[in-house]
């Protein structure tokens, strides 16, 4: 006889699978070094009505096949106990033009049905978000219908007591960054007395999409950069790919043409350096999951200006080379996972005198 919780889980999953016709045309490519994981993922994708067009270990041959596979989304499955080829991962980021989802396999390795179901819902929502499918809903995470007026208010999330952002933190991220940023922002209170600038390595077409996705999980106001926008406490601005983001002396966003080529786009080093020049010891930077060394020079400059530099802990990152490189170069003040960083920042800002 099945346990009641098991029956409920199966019912929810069955109802969800029947409602996923909107995802049936999405073609998925799976890259995983684990045969068991590829088998599990392929089975769950098929049950969800998705078409798996490629399922192999991550190799350069896989990347060549991906070019002709006509996949809509790449599901990249990385294991903590596997040595990653950093050069190959760089090629993935540079060459793959379709959206990439980094699979969180924690739930699957637990071998618990409730955890598997929650993981499944989360993965389906990520795929729907990336493909711009708004009418996909799951039985567990169903959202109520919203009026145009409510949607408009959610997009801006203005508070009557919002002040100009005088404490500004740069959130630098790359590989594995979107998930870390989601968890971090979700843990922050809505009245936090700071503004944030996300500098995430990504394609130009995904700035608005990243803002939309992060807005699902936070009470703060995540928006693409808009020339002239007044940078307020609670604002989370995403650095553009093809322009340099600055904050002028009266708190307005200014977008400038890039005059110097950088190794990373957008450049975390450049964003942190610009905010260090603008805000000095009222600026901070948190470097999240990512590959490479972008951010270390900007963090060094920020420390010279009296600012704060914090890192996501290596064990909580998908790839930790970016925070590790900063740690090797800089005397950072705090290291923790996403929730620890959010709690630390909330407490830290409570001790700062308002300028």
C-alpha atoms as a PDB file:
ATOM      1  CA  UNK A   1       0.000   0.000   0.000  1.00  0.00           C
ATOM      2  CA  UNK A   2       1.394   3.384  -0.980  1.00  0.00           C
ATOM      3  CA  UNK A   3       1.930   6.099   1.572  1.00  0.00           C
ATOM      4  CA  UNK A   4      -0.519   9.044   1.354  1.00  0.00           C
ATOM      5  CA  UNK A   5       2.311  11.445   0.532  1.00  0.00           C
ATOM      6  CA  UNK A   6       3.419   9.169  -2.291  1.00  0.00           C
ATOM      7  CA  UNK A   7      -0.134   9.083  -3.718  1.00  0.00           C
ATOM      8  CA  UNK A   8      -0.359  12.888  -3.557  1.00  0.00           C
ATOM      9  CA  UNK A   9       3.017  13.263  -5.276  1.00  0.00           C
ATOM     10  CA  UNK A  10       2.062  10.883  -8.079  1.00  0.00           C
ATOM     11  CA  UNK A  11      -1.289  12.644  -8.591  1.00  0.00           C
ATOM     12  CA  UNK A  12       0.351  16.070  -8.804  1.00  0.00           C
ATOM     13  CA  UNK A  13       2.955  14.779 -11.244  1.00  0.00           C
ATOM     14  CA  UNK A  14       0.358  13.074 -13.442  1.00  0.00           C
ATOM     15  CA  UNK A  15      -1.784  16.228 -13.571  1.00  0.00           C
ATOM     16  CA  UNK A  16       1.242  18.316 -14.420  1.00  0.00           C
ATOM     17  CA  UNK A  17       2.365  16.026 -17.227  1.00  0.00           C
ATOM     18  CA  UNK A  18      -1.094  16.159 -18.798  1.00  0.00           C
ATOM     19  CA  UNK A  19      -1.038  19.978 -18.745  1.00  0.00           C
ATOM     20  CA  UNK A  20       2.262  20.406 -20.549  1.00  0.00           C
ATOM     21  CA  UNK A  21       1.115  20.481 -24.153  1.00  0.00           C
ATOM     22  CA  UNK A  22       2.592  23.990 -24.442  1.00  0.00           C
ATOM     23  CA  UNK A  23       6.064  22.476 -24.020  1.00  0.00           C
ATOM     24  CA  UNK A  24       5.593  19.629 -26.481  1.00  0.00           C
ATOM     25  CA  UNK A  25       7.390  21.384 -29.340  1.00  0.00           C
ATOM     26  CA  UNK A  26      10.544  22.200 -27.338  1.00  0.00           C
ATOM     27  CA  UNK A  27      13.632  20.255 -28.445  1.00  0.00           C
ATOM     28  CA  UNK A  28      16.155  19.461 -25.698  1.00  0.00           C
ATOM     29  CA  UNK A  29      19.851  18.540 -25.892  1.00  0.00           C
ATOM     30  CA  UNK A  30      21.265  16.837 -22.787  1.00  0.00           C
ATOM     31  CA  UNK A  31      24.967  16.863 -21.906  1.00  0.00           C
ATOM     32  CA  UNK A  32      25.992  14.734 -18.937  1.00  0.00           C
ATOM     33  CA  UNK A  33      28.976  12.533 -18.174  1.00  0.00           C
ATOM     34  CA  UNK A  34      26.745  10.173 -16.198  1.00  0.00           C
ATOM     35  CA  UNK A  35      24.879   7.524 -18.187  1.00  0.00           C
ATOM     36  CA  UNK A  36      22.412   7.131 -15.312  1.00  0.00           C
ATOM     37  CA  UNK A  37      21.707  10.864 -15.280  1.00  0.00           C
ATOM     38  CA  UNK A  38      21.232  10.965 -19.061  1.00  0.00           C
ATOM     39  CA  UNK A  39      18.794   8.072 -18.778  1.00  0.00           C
ATOM     40  CA  UNK A  40      16.836   9.727 -15.955  1.00  0.00           C
ATOM     41  CA  UNK A  41      16.736  13.087 -17.690  1.00  0.00           C
ATOM     42  CA  UNK A  42      15.714  11.616 -21.036  1.00  0.00           C
ATOM     43  CA  UNK A  43      12.905   9.669 -19.386  1.00  0.00           C
ATOM     44  CA  UNK A  44      11.560  12.720 -17.548  1.00  0.00           C
ATOM     45  CA  UNK A  45      11.823  14.904 -20.645  1.00  0.00           C
ATOM     46  CA  UNK A  46       9.880  12.336 -22.655  1.00  0.00           C
ATOM     47  CA  UNK A  47       7.194  12.062 -19.961  1.00  0.00           C
ATOM     48  CA  UNK A  48       6.848  15.853 -20.113  1.00  0.00           C
ATOM     49  CA  UNK A  49       6.278  15.781 -23.853  1.00  0.00           C
ATOM     50  CA  UNK A  50       9.630  17.321 -24.729  1.00  0.00           C
ATOM     51  CA  UNK A  51      11.676  16.023 -27.630  1.00  0.00           C
ATOM     52  CA  UNK A  52      15.229  14.988 -26.709  1.00  0.00           C
ATOM     53  CA  UNK A  53      17.278  15.408 -29.886  1.00  0.00           C
ATOM     54  CA  UNK A  54      20.739  14.759 -28.413  1.00  0.00           C
ATOM     55  CA  UNK A  55      21.910  13.050 -25.229  1.00  0.00           C
ATOM     56  CA  UNK A  56      25.642  12.427 -24.778  1.00  0.00           C
ATOM     57  CA  UNK A  57      28.620  13.223 -22.551  1.00  0.00           C
ATOM     58  CA  UNK A  58      29.961  16.771 -22.867  1.00  0.00           C
ATOM     59  CA  UNK A  59      32.738  16.554 -25.451  1.00  0.00           C
ATOM     60  CA  UNK A  60      33.842  18.569 -28.457  1.00  0.00           C
ATOM     61  CA  UNK A  61      32.124  15.963 -30.613  1.00  0.00           C
ATOM     62  CA  UNK A  62      28.921  16.735 -28.709  1.00  0.00           C
ATOM     63  CA  UNK A  63      29.351  20.449 -29.517  1.00  0.00           C
ATOM     64  CA  UNK A  64      29.751  19.646 -33.224  1.00  0.00           C
ATOM     65  CA  UNK A  65      26.606  17.512 -33.173  1.00  0.00           C
ATOM     66  CA  UNK A  66      24.754  20.243 -31.298  1.00  0.00           C
ATOM     67  CA  UNK A  67      25.287  22.617 -34.232  1.00  0.00           C
ATOM     68  CA  UNK A  68      23.008  20.500 -36.437  1.00  0.00           C
ATOM     69  CA  UNK A  69      20.684  19.027 -33.798  1.00  0.00           C
ATOM     70  CA  UNK A  70      18.171  21.916 -33.994  1.00  0.00           C
ATOM     71  CA  UNK A  71      17.806  21.957 -30.214  1.00  0.00           C
ATOM     72  CA  UNK A  72      15.972  24.806 -28.490  1.00  0.00           C
ATOM     73  CA  UNK A  73      17.593  24.387 -25.067  1.00  0.00           C
ATOM     74  CA  UNK A  74      20.790  22.761 -23.786  1.00  0.00           C
ATOM     75  CA  UNK A  75      20.452  20.992 -20.440  1.00  0.00           C
ATOM     76  CA  UNK A  76      23.976  20.851 -18.989  1.00  0.00           C
ATOM     77  CA  UNK A  77      24.362  18.390 -16.134  1.00  0.00           C
ATOM     78  CA  UNK A  78      27.478  19.068 -14.004  1.00  0.00           C
ATOM     79  CA  UNK A  79      28.519  16.925 -11.052  1.00  0.00           C
ATOM     80  CA  UNK A  80      30.560  18.115  -8.094  1.00  0.00           C
ATOM     81  CA  UNK A  81      32.465  14.831  -8.084  1.00  0.00           C
ATOM     82  CA  UNK A  82      33.531  15.165 -11.733  1.00  0.00           C
ATOM     83  CA  UNK A  83      36.644  17.013 -12.905  1.00  0.00           C
ATOM     84  CA  UNK A  84      35.455  19.652 -15.357  1.00  0.00           C
ATOM     85  CA  UNK A  85      37.404  20.646 -18.455  1.00  0.00           C
ATOM     86  CA  UNK A  86      37.470  24.429 -17.981  1.00  0.00           C
ATOM     87  CA  UNK A  87      38.597  25.002 -21.565  1.00  0.00           C
ATOM     88  CA  UNK A  88      35.699  22.941 -22.893  1.00  0.00           C
ATOM     89  CA  UNK A  89      33.232  24.780 -20.643  1.00  0.00           C
ATOM     90  CA  UNK A  90      34.592  28.063 -22.002  1.00  0.00           C
ATOM     91  CA  UNK A  91      33.858  26.769 -25.517  1.00  0.00           C
ATOM     92  CA  UNK A  92      30.298  25.937 -24.467  1.00  0.00           C
ATOM     93  CA  UNK A  93      29.720  29.496 -23.237  1.00  0.00           C
ATOM     94  CA  UNK A  94      31.378  31.038 -26.290  1.00  0.00           C
ATOM     95  CA  UNK A  95      29.915  28.835 -29.021  1.00  0.00           C
ATOM     96  CA  UNK A  96      26.485  27.643 -27.884  1.00  0.00           C
ATOM     97  CA  UNK A  97      23.871  30.149 -29.008  1.00  0.00           C
ATOM     98  CA  UNK A  98      20.785  28.455 -27.569  1.00  0.00           C
ATOM     99  CA  UNK A  99      19.785  28.961 -23.895  1.00  0.00           C
ATOM    100  CA  UNK A 100      21.639  26.787 -21.371  1.00  0.00           C
ATOM    101  CA  UNK A 101      20.096  25.355 -18.208  1.00  0.00           C
ATOM    102  CA  UNK A 102      22.469  24.057 -15.554  1.00  0.00           C
ATOM    103  CA  UNK A 103      20.743  21.115 -13.978  1.00  0.00           C
ATOM    104  CA  UNK A 104      20.538  20.851 -10.202  1.00  0.00           C
ATOM    105  CA  UNK A 105      20.863  17.096  -9.658  1.00  0.00           C
ATOM    106  CA  UNK A 106      20.634  17.256  -5.873  1.00  0.00           C
ATOM    107  CA  UNK A 107      16.979  16.254  -5.791  1.00  0.00           C
ATOM    108  CA  UNK A 108      17.496  13.302  -8.077  1.00  0.00           C
ATOM    109  CA  UNK A 109      20.379  11.901  -6.057  1.00  0.00           C
ATOM    110  CA  UNK A 110      18.205  11.978  -2.927  1.00  0.00           C
ATOM    111  CA  UNK A 111      15.962   9.317  -4.516  1.00  0.00           C
ATOM    112  CA  UNK A 112      12.855  10.748  -2.874  1.00  0.00           C
ATOM    113  CA  UNK A 113       9.654  11.045  -4.892  1.00  0.00           C
ATOM    114  CA  UNK A 114       8.575  14.386  -3.395  1.00  0.00           C
ATOM    115  CA  UNK A 115      11.998  15.871  -4.078  1.00  0.00           C
ATOM    116  CA  UNK A 116      11.998  14.446  -7.609  1.00  0.00           C
ATOM    117  CA  UNK A 117       8.621  16.042  -8.284  1.00  0.00           C
ATOM    118  CA  UNK A 118       9.690  19.455  -6.996  1.00  0.00           C
ATOM    119  CA  UNK A 119      12.866  19.260  -9.100  1.00  0.00           C
ATOM    120  CA  UNK A 120      10.783  18.316 -12.130  1.00  0.00           C
ATOM    121  CA  UNK A 121       8.436  21.299 -11.725  1.00  0.00           C
ATOM    122  CA  UNK A 122      11.373  23.654 -11.288  1.00  0.00           C
ATOM    123  CA  UNK A 123      13.097  22.361 -14.422  1.00  0.00           C
ATOM    124  CA  UNK A 124       9.928  22.619 -16.510  1.00  0.00           C
ATOM    125  CA  UNK A 125       9.446  26.225 -15.348  1.00  0.00           C
ATOM    126  CA  UNK A 126      13.013  27.098 -16.338  1.00  0.00           C
ATOM    127  CA  UNK A 127      12.485  25.647 -19.815  1.00  0.00           C
ATOM    128  CA  UNK A 128       9.198  27.501 -20.191  1.00  0.00           C
ATOM    129  CA  UNK A 129      10.834  30.758 -19.064  1.00  0.00           C
ATOM    130  CA  UNK A 130      13.678  30.462 -21.545  1.00  0.00           C
ATOM    131  CA  UNK A 131      11.322  29.672 -24.407  1.00  0.00           C
ATOM    132  CA  UNK A 132       8.967  32.515 -23.517  1.00  0.00           C
ATOM    133  CA  UNK A 133       6.062  30.149 -22.830  1.00  0.00           C
ATOM    134  CA  UNK A 134       3.855  32.040 -20.417  1.00  0.00           C
ATOM    135  CA  UNK A 135       0.860  29.726 -20.326  1.00  0.00           C
ATOM    136  CA  UNK A 136       2.640  26.735 -18.805  1.00  0.00           C
ATOM    137  CA  UNK A 137       1.559  26.142 -15.213  1.00  0.00           C
ATOM    138  CA  UNK A 138       2.070  23.256 -12.850  1.00  0.00           C
ATOM    139  CA  UNK A 139      -0.447  21.990 -10.333  1.00  0.00           C
ATOM    140  CA  UNK A 140       1.866  22.688  -7.406  1.00  0.00           C
ATOM    141  CA  UNK A 141       3.114  26.125  -8.426  1.00  0.00           C
ATOM    142  CA  UNK A 142       0.014  27.440 -10.169  1.00  0.00           C
ATOM    143  CA  UNK A 143      -0.149  31.238 -10.210  1.00  0.00           C
ATOM    144  CA  UNK A 144      -3.433  33.193  -9.995  1.00  0.00           C
ATOM    145  CA  UNK A 145      -4.490  35.284 -12.952  1.00  0.00           C
ATOM    146  CA  UNK A 146      -3.367  38.885 -12.588  1.00  0.00           C
ATOM    147  CA  UNK A 147      -5.007  42.046 -13.850  1.00  0.00           C
ATOM    148  CA  UNK A 148      -3.085  44.466 -16.071  1.00  0.00           C
ATOM    149  CA  UNK A 149      -2.978  46.914 -13.162  1.00  0.00           C
ATOM    150  CA  UNK A 150      -1.468  44.314 -10.823  1.00  0.00           C
ATOM    151  CA  UNK A 151       1.128  43.299 -13.408  1.00  0.00           C
ATOM    152  CA  UNK A 152       2.100  46.944 -13.914  1.00  0.00           C
ATOM    153  CA  UNK A 153       2.587  47.408 -10.168  1.00  0.00           C
ATOM    154  CA  UNK A 154       4.655  44.246  -9.913  1.00  0.00           C
ATOM    155  CA  UNK A 155       6.962  45.354 -12.685  1.00  0.00           C
ATOM    156  CA  UNK A 156       7.826  48.569 -10.891  1.00  0.00           C
ATOM    157  CA  UNK A 157       7.373  47.464  -7.253  1.00  0.00           C
ATOM    158  CA  UNK A 158       7.679  51.070  -6.078  1.00  0.00           C
ATOM    159  CA  UNK A 159       7.538  51.920  -2.405  1.00  0.00           C
ATOM    160  CA  UNK A 160       6.420  55.390  -1.327  1.00  0.00           C
ATOM    161  CA  UNK A 161       9.448  55.655   0.969  1.00  0.00           C
ATOM    162  CA  UNK A 162      12.105  54.702  -1.593  1.00  0.00           C
ATOM    163  CA  UNK A 163      15.285  56.751  -1.381  1.00  0.00           C
ATOM    164  CA  UNK A 164      18.108  57.348  -3.808  1.00  0.00           C
ATOM    165  CA  UNK A 165      20.555  54.414  -3.652  1.00  0.00           C
ATOM    166  CA  UNK A 166      23.641  55.546  -1.756  1.00  0.00           C
ATOM    167  CA  UNK A 167      24.849  52.039  -0.886  1.00  0.00           C
ATOM    168  CA  UNK A 168      25.483  50.118  -4.123  1.00  0.00           C
ATOM    169  CA  UNK A 169      26.517  46.492  -4.500  1.00  0.00           C
ATOM    170  CA  UNK A 170      27.711  44.829  -7.705  1.00  0.00           C
ATOM    171  CA  UNK A 171      26.678  41.175  -8.070  1.00  0.00           C
ATOM    172  CA  UNK A 172      29.123  39.497 -10.457  1.00  0.00           C
ATOM    173  CA  UNK A 173      28.307  36.085 -11.893  1.00  0.00           C
ATOM    174  CA  UNK A 174      28.905  33.754 -14.804  1.00  0.00           C
ATOM    175  CA  UNK A 175      28.434  29.991 -15.144  1.00  0.00           C
ATOM    176  CA  UNK A 176      25.814  28.951 -12.578  1.00  0.00           C
ATOM    177  CA  UNK A 177      25.112  32.571 -11.720  1.00  0.00           C
ATOM    178  CA  UNK A 178      21.381  32.901 -12.489  1.00  0.00           C
ATOM    179  CA  UNK A 179      20.395  30.240  -9.957  1.00  0.00           C
ATOM    180  CA  UNK A 180      22.714  31.730  -7.304  1.00  0.00           C
ATOM    181  CA  UNK A 181      21.351  35.232  -7.952  1.00  0.00           C
ATOM    182  CA  UNK A 182      17.773  33.969  -7.677  1.00  0.00           C
ATOM    183  CA  UNK A 183      18.438  32.412  -4.276  1.00  0.00           C
ATOM    184  CA  UNK A 184      20.338  35.463  -3.035  1.00  0.00           C
ATOM    185  CA  UNK A 185      17.738  38.026  -4.112  1.00  0.00           C
ATOM    186  CA  UNK A 186      14.901  35.885  -2.790  1.00  0.00           C
ATOM    187  CA  UNK A 187      16.478  35.996   0.678  1.00  0.00           C
ATOM    188  CA  UNK A 188      16.755  39.810   0.801  1.00  0.00           C
ATOM    189  CA  UNK A 189      14.052  41.924   2.509  1.00  0.00           C
ATOM    190  CA  UNK A 190      12.021  44.268   0.316  1.00  0.00           C
ATOM    191  CA  UNK A 191      13.115  47.335   2.289  1.00  0.00           C
ATOM    192  CA  UNK A 192      16.857  46.725   2.083  1.00  0.00           C
ATOM    193  CA  UNK A 193      18.611  50.145   1.991  1.00  0.00           C
ATOM    194  CA  UNK A 194      20.794  49.534  -1.077  1.00  0.00           C
ATOM    195  CA  UNK A 195      20.723  49.332  -4.841  1.00  0.00           C
ATOM    196  CA  UNK A 196      22.214  46.449  -6.817  1.00  0.00           C
ATOM    197  CA  UNK A 197      23.867  46.051 -10.204  1.00  0.00           C
ATOM    198  CA  UNK A 198      23.999  42.546 -11.673  1.00  0.00           C
ATOM    199  CA  UNK A 199      26.854  41.892 -14.068  1.00  0.00           C
ATOM    200  CA  UNK A 200      26.187  38.413 -15.445  1.00  0.00           C
ATOM    201  CA  UNK A 201      28.031  36.986 -18.441  1.00  0.00           C
ATOM    202  CA  UNK A 202      25.249  36.393 -20.963  1.00  0.00           C
ATOM    203  CA  UNK A 203      24.069  37.142 -24.475  1.00  0.00           C
ATOM    204  CA  UNK A 204      22.608  40.516 -25.359  1.00  0.00           C
ATOM    205  CA  UNK A 205      19.174  39.006 -26.030  1.00  0.00           C
ATOM    206  CA  UNK A 206      18.876  37.637 -22.496  1.00  0.00           C
ATOM    207  CA  UNK A 207      19.152  40.840 -20.424  1.00  0.00           C
ATOM    208  CA  UNK A 208      15.388  41.430 -20.386  1.00  0.00           C
ATOM    209  CA  UNK A 209      14.659  37.721 -19.973  1.00  0.00           C
ATOM    210  CA  UNK A 210      17.011  37.484 -16.984  1.00  0.00           C
ATOM    211  CA  UNK A 211      15.231  40.455 -15.376  1.00  0.00           C
ATOM    212  CA  UNK A 212      11.856  38.788 -15.921  1.00  0.00           C
ATOM    213  CA  UNK A 213      13.034  35.509 -14.417  1.00  0.00           C
ATOM    214  CA  UNK A 214      14.637  37.066 -11.333  1.00  0.00           C
ATOM    215  CA  UNK A 215      11.570  39.216 -10.717  1.00  0.00           C
ATOM    216  CA  UNK A 216       9.619  36.020 -10.079  1.00  0.00           C
ATOM    217  CA  UNK A 217      11.638  35.349  -6.947  1.00  0.00           C
ATOM    218  CA  UNK A 218      12.266  38.696  -5.269  1.00  0.00           C
ATOM    219  CA  UNK A 219      10.353  41.619  -3.781  1.00  0.00           C
ATOM    220  CA  UNK A 220      13.012  43.942  -5.204  1.00  0.00           C
ATOM    221  CA  UNK A 221      12.698  45.658  -8.585  1.00  0.00           C
ATOM    222  CA  UNK A 222      14.830  43.861 -11.200  1.00  0.00           C
ATOM    223  CA  UNK A 223      14.966  45.814 -14.463  1.00  0.00           C
ATOM    224  CA  UNK A 224      17.059  46.154 -17.612  1.00  0.00           C
ATOM    225  CA  UNK A 225      19.077  49.397 -17.762  1.00  0.00           C
ATOM    226  CA  UNK A 226      17.170  52.463 -18.955  1.00  0.00           C
ATOM    227  CA  UNK A 227      18.926  55.743 -19.775  1.00  0.00           C
ATOM    228  CA  UNK A 228      17.959  58.384 -17.216  1.00  0.00           C
ATOM    229  CA  UNK A 229      16.360  55.991 -14.725  1.00  0.00           C
ATOM    230  CA  UNK A 230      16.796  57.235 -11.147  1.00  0.00           C
ATOM    231  CA  UNK A 231      18.700  54.515  -9.249  1.00  0.00           C
ATOM    232  CA  UNK A 232      16.721  53.882  -6.039  1.00  0.00           C
ATOM    233  CA  UNK A 233      17.071  51.623  -3.030  1.00  0.00           C
ATOM    234  CA  UNK A 234      15.593  48.245  -3.893  1.00  0.00           C
ATOM    235  CA  UNK A 235      16.461  48.570  -7.583  1.00  0.00           C
ATOM    236  CA  UNK A 236      18.386  45.732  -9.213  1.00  0.00           C
ATOM    237  CA  UNK A 237      19.843  46.858 -12.552  1.00  0.00           C
ATOM    238  CA  UNK A 238      21.265  44.363 -15.042  1.00  0.00           C
ATOM    239  CA  UNK A 239      24.428  45.512 -16.806  1.00  0.00           C
ATOM    240  CA  UNK A 240      23.955  45.635 -20.595  1.00  0.00           C
ATOM    241  CA  UNK A 241      26.197  43.619 -22.897  1.00  0.00           C
ATOM    242  CA  UNK A 242      27.072  46.221 -25.520  1.00  0.00           C
ATOM    243  CA  UNK A 243      27.194  49.352 -23.359  1.00  0.00           C
ATOM    244  CA  UNK A 244      28.950  50.693 -20.284  1.00  0.00           C
ATOM    245  CA  UNK A 245      26.681  51.405 -17.332  1.00  0.00           C
ATOM    246  CA  UNK A 246      27.436  54.415 -15.141  1.00  0.00           C
ATOM    247  CA  UNK A 247      25.564  56.257 -12.392  1.00  0.00           C
ATOM    248  CA  UNK A 248      25.906  60.035 -12.673  1.00  0.00           C
ATOM    249  CA  UNK A 249      26.344  62.386  -9.661  1.00  0.00           C
ATOM    250  CA  UNK A 250      22.590  62.904  -9.243  1.00  0.00           C
ATOM    251  CA  UNK A 251      21.781  59.187  -9.362  1.00  0.00           C
ATOM    252  CA  UNK A 252      20.647  58.700 -12.972  1.00  0.00           C
ATOM    253  CA  UNK A 253      21.694  55.762 -15.123  1.00  0.00           C
ATOM    254  CA  UNK A 254      23.899  56.663 -18.087  1.00  0.00           C
ATOM    255  CA  UNK A 255      24.698  54.221 -20.893  1.00  0.00           C
ATOM    256  CA  UNK A 256      27.867  54.798 -22.895  1.00  0.00           C
ATOM    257  CA  UNK A 257      29.362  53.111 -25.936  1.00  0.00           C
ATOM    258  CA  UNK A 258      32.163  50.692 -25.140  1.00  0.00           C
ATOM    259  CA  UNK A 259      35.537  52.070 -26.174  1.00  0.00           C
ATOM    260  CA  UNK A 260      37.757  49.281 -24.830  1.00  0.00           C
ATOM    261  CA  UNK A 261      37.505  45.589 -25.690  1.00  0.00           C
ATOM    262  CA  UNK A 262      37.315  43.287 -22.670  1.00  0.00           C
ATOM    263  CA  UNK A 263      37.857  39.552 -22.302  1.00  0.00           C
ATOM    264  CA  UNK A 264      34.383  39.120 -20.818  1.00  0.00           C
ATOM    265  CA  UNK A 265      31.036  40.580 -21.816  1.00  0.00           C
ATOM    266  CA  UNK A 266      29.762  42.360 -19.887  1.00  0.00           C
ATOM    267  CA  UNK A 267      32.908  43.025 -17.851  1.00  0.00           C
ATOM    268  CA  UNK A 268      32.578  42.505 -14.101  1.00  0.00           C
ATOM    269  CA  UNK A 269      35.963  44.187 -13.623  1.00  0.00           C
ATOM    270  CA  UNK A 270      34.769  47.303 -15.410  1.00  0.00           C
ATOM    271  CA  UNK A 271      31.452  47.509 -13.565  1.00  0.00           C
ATOM    272  CA  UNK A 272      33.079  47.129 -10.139  1.00  0.00           C
ATOM    273  CA  UNK A 273      35.790  49.660 -11.032  1.00  0.00           C
ATOM    274  CA  UNK A 274      33.190  52.201 -12.177  1.00  0.00           C
ATOM    275  CA  UNK A 275      31.147  51.761  -8.992  1.00  0.00           C
ATOM    276  CA  UNK A 276      34.310  51.995  -6.865  1.00  0.00           C
ATOM    277  CA  UNK A 277      35.111  55.343  -8.500  1.00  0.00           C
ATOM    278  CA  UNK A 278      31.523  56.545  -8.068  1.00  0.00           C
ATOM    279  CA  UNK A 279      30.693  55.328  -4.551  1.00  0.00           C
ATOM    280  CA  UNK A 280      34.033  54.549  -2.850  1.00  0.00           C
ATOM    281  CA  UNK A 281      33.534  52.945   0.556  1.00  0.00           C
ATOM    282  CA  UNK A 282      29.752  52.956   0.011  1.00  0.00           C
ATOM    283  CA  UNK A 283      30.165  50.273  -2.674  1.00  0.00           C
ATOM    284  CA  UNK A 284      30.469  46.537  -2.349  1.00  0.00           C
ATOM    285  CA  UNK A 285      30.838  43.526  -4.613  1.00  0.00           C
ATOM    286  CA  UNK A 286      29.794  39.900  -4.301  1.00  0.00           C
ATOM    287  CA  UNK A 287      31.308  37.414  -6.739  1.00  0.00           C
ATOM    288  CA  UNK A 288      29.104  34.395  -7.352  1.00  0.00           C
ATOM    289  CA  UNK A 289      29.550  31.164  -9.290  1.00  0.00           C
ATOM    290  CA  UNK A 290      31.499  31.498 -12.515  1.00  0.00           C
ATOM    291  CA  UNK A 291      34.403  30.389 -14.653  1.00  0.00           C
ATOM    292  CA  UNK A 292      37.489  32.487 -15.338  1.00  0.00           C
ATOM    293  CA  UNK A 293      38.973  35.433 -13.464  1.00  0.00           C
ATOM    294  CA  UNK A 294      36.680  38.345 -14.308  1.00  0.00           C
ATOM    295  CA  UNK A 295      36.183  40.554 -11.261  1.00  0.00           C
ATOM    296  CA  UNK A 296      39.512  40.139  -9.484  1.00  0.00           C
ATOM    297  CA  UNK A 297      41.025  43.434 -10.682  1.00  0.00           C
ATOM    298  CA  UNK A 298      37.840  45.377 -10.012  1.00  0.00           C
ATOM    299  CA  UNK A 299      37.635  43.868  -6.526  1.00  0.00           C
ATOM    300  CA  UNK A 300      41.243  44.851  -5.805  1.00  0.00           C
ATOM    301  CA  UNK A 301      40.439  48.438  -6.801  1.00  0.00           C
ATOM    302  CA  UNK A 302      37.260  48.434  -4.711  1.00  0.00           C
ATOM    303  CA  UNK A 303      39.197  47.340  -1.622  1.00  0.00           C
ATOM    304  CA  UNK A 304      41.642  50.193  -2.179  1.00  0.00           C
ATOM    305  CA  UNK A 305      38.665  52.572  -2.155  1.00  0.00           C
ATOM    306  CA  UNK A 306      37.476  51.166   1.169  1.00  0.00           C
ATOM    307  CA  UNK A 307      34.649  49.025  -0.214  1.00  0.00           C
ATOM    308  CA  UNK A 308      33.566  45.504   0.673  1.00  0.00           C
ATOM    309  CA  UNK A 309      34.328  42.321  -1.314  1.00  0.00           C
ATOM    310  CA  UNK A 310      32.447  39.120  -0.518  1.00  0.00           C
ATOM    311  CA  UNK A 311      32.394  35.738  -2.261  1.00  0.00           C
ATOM    312  CA  UNK A 312      30.066  32.802  -2.761  1.00  0.00           C
ATOM    313  CA  UNK A 313      31.648  29.772  -1.115  1.00  0.00           C
ATOM    314  CA  UNK A 314      33.370  27.331  -3.451  1.00  0.00           C
ATOM    315  CA  UNK A 315      31.322  24.330  -2.349  1.00  0.00           C
ATOM    316  CA  UNK A 316      28.037  26.110  -3.139  1.00  0.00           C
ATOM    317  CA  UNK A 317      29.104  27.171  -6.672  1.00  0.00           C
ATOM    318  CA  UNK A 318      28.477  25.327  -9.938  1.00  0.00           C
ATOM    319  CA  UNK A 319      31.957  26.492 -10.951  1.00  0.00           C
ATOM    320  CA  UNK A 320      34.089  28.285  -8.360  1.00  0.00           C
ATOM    321  CA  UNK A 321      37.061  29.520 -10.410  1.00  0.00           C
ATOM    322  CA  UNK A 322      35.811  33.130 -10.503  1.00  0.00           C
ATOM    323  CA  UNK A 323      35.424  33.591  -6.712  1.00  0.00           C
ATOM    324  CA  UNK A 324      38.547  31.477  -6.170  1.00  0.00           C
ATOM    325  CA  UNK A 325      40.598  33.819  -8.370  1.00  0.00           C
ATOM    326  CA  UNK A 326      39.339  36.831  -6.431  1.00  0.00           C
ATOM    327  CA  UNK A 327      40.192  35.123  -3.148  1.00  0.00           C
ATOM    328  CA  UNK A 328      43.719  34.383  -4.354  1.00  0.00           C
ATOM    329  CA  UNK A 329      44.264  38.062  -5.205  1.00  0.00           C
ATOM    330  CA  UNK A 330      42.233  39.942  -2.575  1.00  0.00           C
ATOM    331  CA  UNK A 331      41.760  39.950   1.176  1.00  0.00           C
ATOM    332  CA  UNK A 332      37.987  39.459   1.113  1.00  0.00           C
ATOM    333  CA  UNK A 333      35.805  40.227   4.127  1.00  0.00           C
ATOM    334  CA  UNK A 334      33.215  37.435   3.929  1.00  0.00           C
ATOM    335  CA  UNK A 335      32.565  34.078   2.221  1.00  0.00           C
ATOM    336  CA  UNK A 336      29.293  32.150   2.361  1.00  0.00           C
ATOM    337  CA  UNK A 337      26.515  30.468   0.422  1.00  0.00           C
ATOM    338  CA  UNK A 338      23.748  32.552  -1.148  1.00  0.00           C
ATOM    339  CA  UNK A 339      21.485  32.627   1.905  1.00  0.00           C
ATOM    340  CA  UNK A 340      24.392  33.390   4.251  1.00  0.00           C
ATOM    341  CA  UNK A 341      25.461  36.242   1.990  1.00  0.00           C
ATOM    342  CA  UNK A 342      21.947  37.692   2.011  1.00  0.00           C
ATOM    343  CA  UNK A 343      21.677  37.512   5.805  1.00  0.00           C
ATOM    344  CA  UNK A 344      25.137  39.023   6.259  1.00  0.00           C
ATOM    345  CA  UNK A 345      24.375  41.894   3.879  1.00  0.00           C
ATOM    346  CA  UNK A 346      21.059  42.668   5.566  1.00  0.00           C
ATOM    347  CA  UNK A 347      22.780  42.867   8.950  1.00  0.00           C
ATOM    348  CA  UNK A 348      25.744  44.812   7.536  1.00  0.00           C
ATOM    349  CA  UNK A 349      23.539  47.500   5.992  1.00  0.00           C
ATOM    350  CA  UNK A 350      21.665  47.973   9.275  1.00  0.00           C
ATOM    351  CA  UNK A 351      24.923  49.166  10.880  1.00  0.00           C
ATOM    352  CA  UNK A 352      25.717  51.801   8.239  1.00  0.00           C
ATOM    353  CA  UNK A 353      24.776  55.425   8.810  1.00  0.00           C
ATOM    354  CA  UNK A 354      22.591  56.784   5.999  1.00  0.00           C
ATOM    355  CA  UNK A 355      24.444  59.355   3.883  1.00  0.00           C
END
